[in-house]
């Protein structure tokens, strides 16, 4: 058997190692490509990769299904043809095409927008450039996701929010109207109350008091005079409670001074008031002086007219 040179044997062994390494590298590439392919096919997005010459380098089944790309377009690998095919499906085809052309002409830009289809679907579209290690533009990757249900949910939520806001505005208007009605009613009741008090006060002073004073001047038994005195206190308190102006003075009148003031307003003289209160006319004059002082009246000012102005 002819002897094989040692150098040739070493070269053959080196080639074997290189071939083994190359096969291992190829196997690794095939595995990585398989992983990428699986990732593409499992993605919820429709994925399309095009090179700088508008050739469809890669796409997944989700992309084909979303856009319903026919077999002959898939086989052509021509992105322009695929775009022409989908334009008829779009609500705004001109803006769609303009955006694609702009991004292919401006490789440094990324983009994200929404696409509305004629069949009622909405796609979210995202695009990013593919740049190699030497910073060269090699193409673009496009991601499409069907957001129709999300869009419908948002529109429904917006509609519900609008309805709720309208209901709140309507209810607020109703409450404001109710508040205004209640306020008007309250003021009306206050006026009616004041008018009623004025009428009752006038009737007591002008109708009841004269009879009461006349009754006090008659001969009465001790029990009758006691009852008459109780009626006197009740009427005086009633007239006093109706006189809110006298109650809100800076220096409030005493109960007795309030009684005297009400009698003065009724046009009674000091003597008549003294008989009504069961005291002397001099005592009534003392009360008059105290009332004038608390009302801040100067000498010469008419107490009767001033009390009438406070009603």
Protein backbone atom coordinates (compact mmCIF):
# COMPACT_ATOMS: atom_id res chain seq x y z
CA UNK A 1 0.00 0.00 0.00
CA UNK A 2 1.36 3.38 -1.03
CA UNK A 3 2.29 5.63 1.87
CA UNK A 4 0.20 8.94 2.21
CA UNK A 5 2.29 11.97 3.02
CA UNK A 6 1.88 13.30 6.59
CA UNK A 7 1.08 16.84 5.38
CA UNK A 8 -1.79 15.55 3.24
CA UNK A 9 -3.22 13.65 6.19
CA UNK A 10 -3.08 16.75 8.39
CA UNK A 11 -4.83 18.81 5.69
CA UNK A 12 -7.55 16.18 5.38
CA UNK A 13 -8.11 16.21 9.15
CA UNK A 14 -8.33 20.03 9.14
CA UNK A 15 -10.92 19.95 6.38
CA UNK A 16 -12.95 17.47 8.35
CA UNK A 17 -12.92 19.76 11.38
CA UNK A 18 -13.90 22.75 9.23
CA UNK A 19 -16.69 20.78 7.61
CA UNK A 20 -17.89 19.66 11.00
CA UNK A 21 -17.85 23.24 12.30
CA UNK A 22 -19.63 24.48 9.17
CA UNK A 23 -22.32 21.82 9.51
CA UNK A 24 -22.78 22.76 13.15
CA UNK A 25 -23.04 26.46 12.23
CA UNK A 26 -25.57 25.73 9.50
CA UNK A 27 -27.56 23.59 11.89
CA UNK A 28 -27.55 26.44 14.42
CA UNK A 29 -28.72 28.90 11.76
CA UNK A 30 -31.48 26.54 10.73
CA UNK A 31 -32.58 26.23 14.36
CA UNK A 32 -32.54 30.01 14.86
CA UNK A 33 -34.51 30.49 11.65
CA UNK A 34 -37.00 27.91 12.87
CA UNK A 35 -37.37 29.76 16.18
CA UNK A 36 -37.93 33.06 14.36
CA UNK A 37 -40.47 31.42 12.09
CA UNK A 38 -42.32 29.92 15.04
CA UNK A 39 -42.34 33.32 16.77
CA UNK A 40 -43.76 34.93 13.65
CA UNK A 41 -46.49 32.36 13.26
CA UNK A 42 -47.47 32.47 16.94
CA UNK A 43 -47.64 36.26 17.00
CA UNK A 44 -51.00 37.96 17.38
CA UNK A 45 -49.80 40.51 14.82
CA UNK A 46 -49.76 40.20 11.10
CA UNK A 47 -46.07 40.63 10.20
CA UNK A 48 -44.64 41.74 6.85
CA UNK A 49 -40.96 42.31 6.11
CA UNK A 50 -39.98 44.11 2.88
CA UNK A 51 -36.55 45.04 1.55
CA UNK A 52 -35.52 48.42 0.16
CA UNK A 53 -36.75 47.36 -3.29
CA UNK A 54 -40.30 46.69 -2.10
CA UNK A 55 -39.86 42.92 -2.21
CA UNK A 56 -41.77 40.88 0.36
CA UNK A 57 -38.96 39.12 2.19
CA UNK A 58 -41.11 37.44 4.82
CA UNK A 59 -44.65 37.40 6.19
CA UNK A 60 -46.66 35.22 8.53
CA UNK A 61 -50.02 33.53 8.14
CA UNK A 62 -51.70 36.08 10.40
CA UNK A 63 -50.80 38.79 7.86
CA UNK A 64 -52.25 36.71 5.02
CA UNK A 65 -55.46 36.02 6.96
CA UNK A 66 -55.97 39.62 8.10
CA UNK A 67 -55.61 41.06 4.61
CA UNK A 68 -56.92 37.95 2.79
CA UNK A 69 -53.91 37.97 0.48
CA UNK A 70 -54.47 35.57 -2.47
CA UNK A 71 -51.91 32.90 -3.41
CA UNK A 72 -50.67 34.59 -6.59
CA UNK A 73 -49.80 37.78 -4.65
CA UNK A 74 -47.96 35.72 -2.05
CA UNK A 75 -46.00 33.98 -4.80
CA UNK A 76 -45.09 37.25 -6.53
CA UNK A 77 -43.36 38.59 -3.42
CA UNK A 78 -44.08 42.08 -4.77
CA UNK A 79 -45.17 44.46 -1.98
CA UNK A 80 -46.55 46.98 -4.48
CA UNK A 81 -48.89 44.33 -5.81
CA UNK A 82 -50.02 43.39 -2.30
CA UNK A 83 -50.68 47.07 -1.57
CA UNK A 84 -52.73 47.46 -4.74
CA UNK A 85 -54.74 44.44 -3.67
CA UNK A 86 -55.58 45.80 -0.20
CA UNK A 87 -56.36 49.39 -1.28
CA UNK A 88 -59.90 48.41 -2.27
CA UNK A 89 -60.48 47.21 1.28
CA UNK A 90 -59.62 50.56 2.89
CA UNK A 91 -61.84 53.47 3.79
CA UNK A 92 -59.05 55.95 3.15
CA UNK A 93 -56.76 54.32 0.55
CA UNK A 94 -54.99 57.54 -0.51
CA UNK A 95 -53.73 58.36 2.98
CA UNK A 96 -52.70 54.71 3.45
CA UNK A 97 -50.58 54.73 0.28
CA UNK A 98 -49.13 58.17 1.00
CA UNK A 99 -47.95 56.99 4.42
CA UNK A 100 -46.29 53.86 2.99
CA UNK A 101 -44.45 55.84 0.31
CA UNK A 102 -43.33 58.44 2.83
CA UNK A 103 -41.91 55.84 5.22
CA UNK A 104 -40.08 53.97 2.43
CA UNK A 105 -38.55 57.29 1.38
CA UNK A 106 -37.59 58.17 4.97
CA UNK A 107 -35.87 55.06 6.35
CA UNK A 108 -34.95 56.62 9.68
CA UNK A 109 -38.55 57.10 10.83
CA UNK A 110 -40.86 54.88 12.82
CA UNK A 111 -44.64 55.11 12.56
CA UNK A 112 -47.83 54.05 14.30
CA UNK A 113 -51.39 54.76 13.22
CA UNK A 114 -54.84 53.24 12.83
CA UNK A 115 -56.37 51.94 9.60
CA UNK A 116 -60.12 51.75 9.03
CA UNK A 117 -61.44 49.13 6.61
CA UNK A 118 -64.67 49.21 4.64
CA UNK A 119 -65.94 46.05 6.35
CA UNK A 120 -65.88 47.83 9.74
CA UNK A 121 -62.59 46.47 11.02
CA UNK A 122 -59.80 48.58 12.50
CA UNK A 123 -56.09 47.70 12.30
CA UNK A 124 -53.29 49.13 14.39
CA UNK A 125 -50.27 49.61 12.08
CA UNK A 126 -46.69 49.93 13.32
CA UNK A 127 -43.58 50.18 11.14
CA UNK A 128 -39.87 50.36 11.91
CA UNK A 129 -36.80 50.42 9.66
CA UNK A 130 -34.35 47.51 9.33
CA UNK A 131 -30.79 48.81 9.68
CA UNK A 132 -27.71 46.57 9.32
CA UNK A 133 -24.44 46.82 11.25
CA UNK A 134 -23.05 49.30 8.73
CA UNK A 135 -26.05 51.59 9.33
CA UNK A 136 -27.47 50.81 5.90
CA UNK A 137 -31.21 50.74 5.31
CA UNK A 138 -32.23 47.23 4.32
CA UNK A 139 -36.00 47.46 4.40
CA UNK A 140 -38.95 47.74 6.77
CA UNK A 141 -40.97 45.55 9.08
CA UNK A 142 -44.71 46.14 9.39
CA UNK A 143 -46.91 44.93 12.23
CA UNK A 144 -50.70 44.84 11.89
CA UNK A 145 -53.02 44.06 14.79
CA UNK A 146 -56.80 43.79 14.61
CA UNK A 147 -58.18 46.21 17.23
CA UNK A 148 -61.79 46.10 16.09
CA UNK A 149 -63.18 44.73 19.35
CA UNK A 150 -61.05 47.10 21.39
CA UNK A 151 -62.27 49.99 19.25
CA UNK A 152 -65.89 48.93 19.69
CA UNK A 153 -65.40 48.66 23.45
CA UNK A 154 -63.90 52.14 23.57
CA UNK A 155 -66.71 53.58 21.46
CA UNK A 156 -69.28 51.87 23.69
CA UNK A 157 -67.53 53.20 26.80
CA UNK A 158 -67.44 56.71 25.34
CA UNK A 159 -71.14 56.45 24.48
CA UNK A 160 -71.97 55.27 28.00
CA UNK A 161 -69.86 58.07 29.51
CA UNK A 162 -71.65 60.59 27.31
CA UNK A 163 -75.02 59.21 28.41
CA UNK A 164 -73.98 59.33 32.08
CA UNK A 165 -72.71 62.90 31.70
CA UNK A 166 -76.00 63.87 30.06
CA UNK A 167 -77.94 62.21 32.88
CA UNK A 168 -75.82 64.03 35.45
CA UNK A 169 -76.39 67.36 33.67
CA UNK A 170 -80.12 66.63 33.47
CA UNK A 171 -80.31 65.64 37.14
CA UNK A 172 -78.26 68.69 38.14
CA UNK A 173 -80.62 70.94 36.19
CA UNK A 174 -83.60 69.26 37.90
CA UNK A 175 -82.03 69.79 41.33
CA UNK A 176 -81.26 73.41 40.51
CA UNK A 177 -84.84 73.95 39.37
CA UNK A 178 -86.12 72.22 42.50
CA UNK A 179 -83.84 74.33 44.68
CA UNK A 180 -85.03 77.48 42.93
CA UNK A 181 -88.65 76.40 43.39
CA UNK A 182 -88.08 75.65 47.08
CA UNK A 183 -86.32 78.98 47.54
CA UNK A 184 -89.19 80.82 45.87
CA UNK A 185 -91.68 78.86 47.98
CA UNK A 186 -89.71 79.64 51.14
CA UNK A 187 -89.67 83.36 50.37
CA UNK A 188 -93.36 83.22 49.57
CA UNK A 189 -94.10 81.48 52.87
CA UNK A 190 -91.98 84.03 54.71
CA UNK A 191 -93.95 86.86 53.12
CA UNK A 192 -97.23 85.15 53.96
CA UNK A 193 -96.04 84.57 57.50
CA UNK A 194 -95.02 88.22 57.89
CA UNK A 195 -98.33 89.40 56.40
CA UNK A 196 -100.25 87.07 58.73
CA UNK A 197 -98.28 88.30 61.74
CA UNK A 198 -98.91 91.89 60.75
CA UNK A 199 -102.64 91.25 60.37
CA UNK A 200 -102.82 89.43 63.69
CA UNK A 201 -100.82 92.18 65.38
CA UNK A 202 -103.04 94.90 63.94
CA UNK A 203 -106.18 93.03 64.97
CA UNK A 204 -104.86 92.54 68.50
CA UNK A 205 -103.78 96.16 68.89
CA UNK A 206 -106.73 97.81 67.18
CA UNK A 207 -109.57 95.43 67.97
CA UNK A 208 -108.73 93.30 70.98
CA UNK A 209 -106.70 95.72 73.13
CA UNK A 210 -109.37 98.44 73.34
CA UNK A 211 -111.86 95.91 74.65
CA UNK A 212 -109.21 94.53 76.97
CA UNK A 213 -108.44 97.98 78.38
CA UNK A 214 -112.10 98.69 78.80
CA UNK A 215 -112.49 95.39 80.61
CA UNK A 216 -109.66 96.26 83.00
CA UNK A 217 -111.45 99.46 84.02
CA UNK A 218 -114.55 97.57 85.12
CA UNK A 219 -115.16 96.08 88.54
CA UNK A 220 -113.66 92.61 88.58
CA UNK A 221 -113.33 89.94 91.19
CA UNK A 222 -109.92 88.85 92.37
CA UNK A 223 -110.08 85.67 90.28
CA UNK A 224 -111.23 87.59 87.20
CA UNK A 225 -108.43 90.13 87.60
CA UNK A 226 -105.91 87.27 87.93
CA UNK A 227 -107.20 85.71 84.72
CA UNK A 228 -107.13 89.12 83.04
CA UNK A 229 -103.53 89.57 84.11
CA UNK A 230 -102.62 86.21 82.56
CA UNK A 231 -104.30 87.24 79.31
CA UNK A 232 -102.34 90.49 79.49
CA UNK A 233 -99.03 88.61 79.66
CA UNK A 234 -100.01 86.28 76.81
CA UNK A 235 -100.99 89.14 74.52
CA UNK A 236 -97.86 91.11 75.39
CA UNK A 237 -95.63 88.11 74.67
CA UNK A 238 -97.46 87.47 71.40
CA UNK A 239 -97.00 91.06 70.26
CA UNK A 240 -93.37 90.94 71.36
CA UNK A 241 -92.64 87.74 69.36
CA UNK A 242 -94.10 89.33 66.24
CA UNK A 243 -91.89 92.38 66.49
CA UNK A 244 -88.66 91.03 64.95
CA UNK A 245 -87.26 94.55 64.44
CA UNK A 246 -87.36 95.23 68.18
CA UNK A 247 -85.80 91.84 68.96
CA UNK A 248 -82.81 92.45 66.65
CA UNK A 249 -81.71 95.78 68.12
CA UNK A 250 -78.06 96.31 69.03
CA UNK A 251 -79.21 96.77 72.64
CA UNK A 252 -82.24 94.42 73.01
CA UNK A 253 -85.22 95.64 74.99
CA UNK A 254 -86.32 93.91 78.14
CA UNK A 255 -89.64 92.03 78.03
CA UNK A 256 -91.39 94.92 79.84
CA UNK A 257 -89.80 97.50 77.52
CA UNK A 258 -90.94 95.44 74.53
CA UNK A 259 -94.50 95.49 75.90
CA UNK A 260 -94.35 99.24 76.34
CA UNK A 261 -92.90 99.68 72.85
CA UNK A 262 -95.71 97.62 71.32
CA UNK A 263 -98.31 99.65 73.18
CA UNK A 264 -96.71 102.89 71.97
CA UNK A 265 -96.80 101.55 68.41
CA UNK A 266 -100.50 100.84 68.93
CA UNK A 267 -101.02 104.54 69.75
CA UNK A 268 -101.65 104.13 73.47
CA UNK A 269 -100.85 106.86 75.98
CA UNK A 270 -98.64 106.40 79.02
CA UNK A 271 -101.73 106.33 81.23
CA UNK A 272 -103.32 103.61 79.12
CA UNK A 273 -100.11 101.61 79.13
CA UNK A 274 -99.84 101.99 82.91
CA UNK A 275 -103.33 100.58 83.31
CA UNK A 276 -102.49 97.71 80.94
CA UNK A 277 -99.25 96.81 82.74
CA UNK A 278 -100.60 97.50 86.23
CA UNK A 279 -98.01 100.13 87.08
CA UNK A 280 -97.80 103.90 87.42
CA UNK A 281 -97.61 106.35 84.53
CA UNK A 282 -94.26 107.50 85.94
CA UNK A 283 -92.92 103.96 85.59
CA UNK A 284 -94.09 103.89 81.96
CA UNK A 285 -92.26 107.20 81.33
CA UNK A 286 -89.11 105.58 82.72
CA UNK A 287 -89.53 102.73 80.27
CA UNK A 288 -90.05 105.25 77.45
CA UNK A 289 -86.75 106.95 78.32
CA UNK A 290 -84.93 103.59 78.35
CA UNK A 291 -86.42 102.65 74.97
CA UNK A 292 -85.41 106.00 73.43
CA UNK A 293 -81.87 105.56 74.78
CA UNK A 294 -81.54 102.02 73.40
CA UNK A 295 -82.93 103.10 70.05
CA UNK A 296 -80.45 105.95 69.93
CA UNK A 297 -83.14 108.62 69.54
CA UNK A 298 -82.16 112.23 69.98
CA UNK A 299 -84.18 114.82 71.81
CA UNK A 300 -87.15 115.87 69.70
CA UNK A 301 -87.39 112.67 67.65
CA UNK A 302 -90.82 111.05 67.76
CA UNK A 303 -90.74 107.64 69.45
CA UNK A 304 -94.10 106.57 67.99
CA UNK A 305 -93.02 107.29 64.38
CA UNK A 306 -89.66 105.59 64.88
CA UNK A 307 -91.28 102.43 66.24
CA UNK A 308 -93.69 102.41 63.31
CA UNK A 309 -90.72 102.55 60.89
CA UNK A 310 -89.23 99.41 62.48
CA UNK A 311 -92.22 97.25 61.54
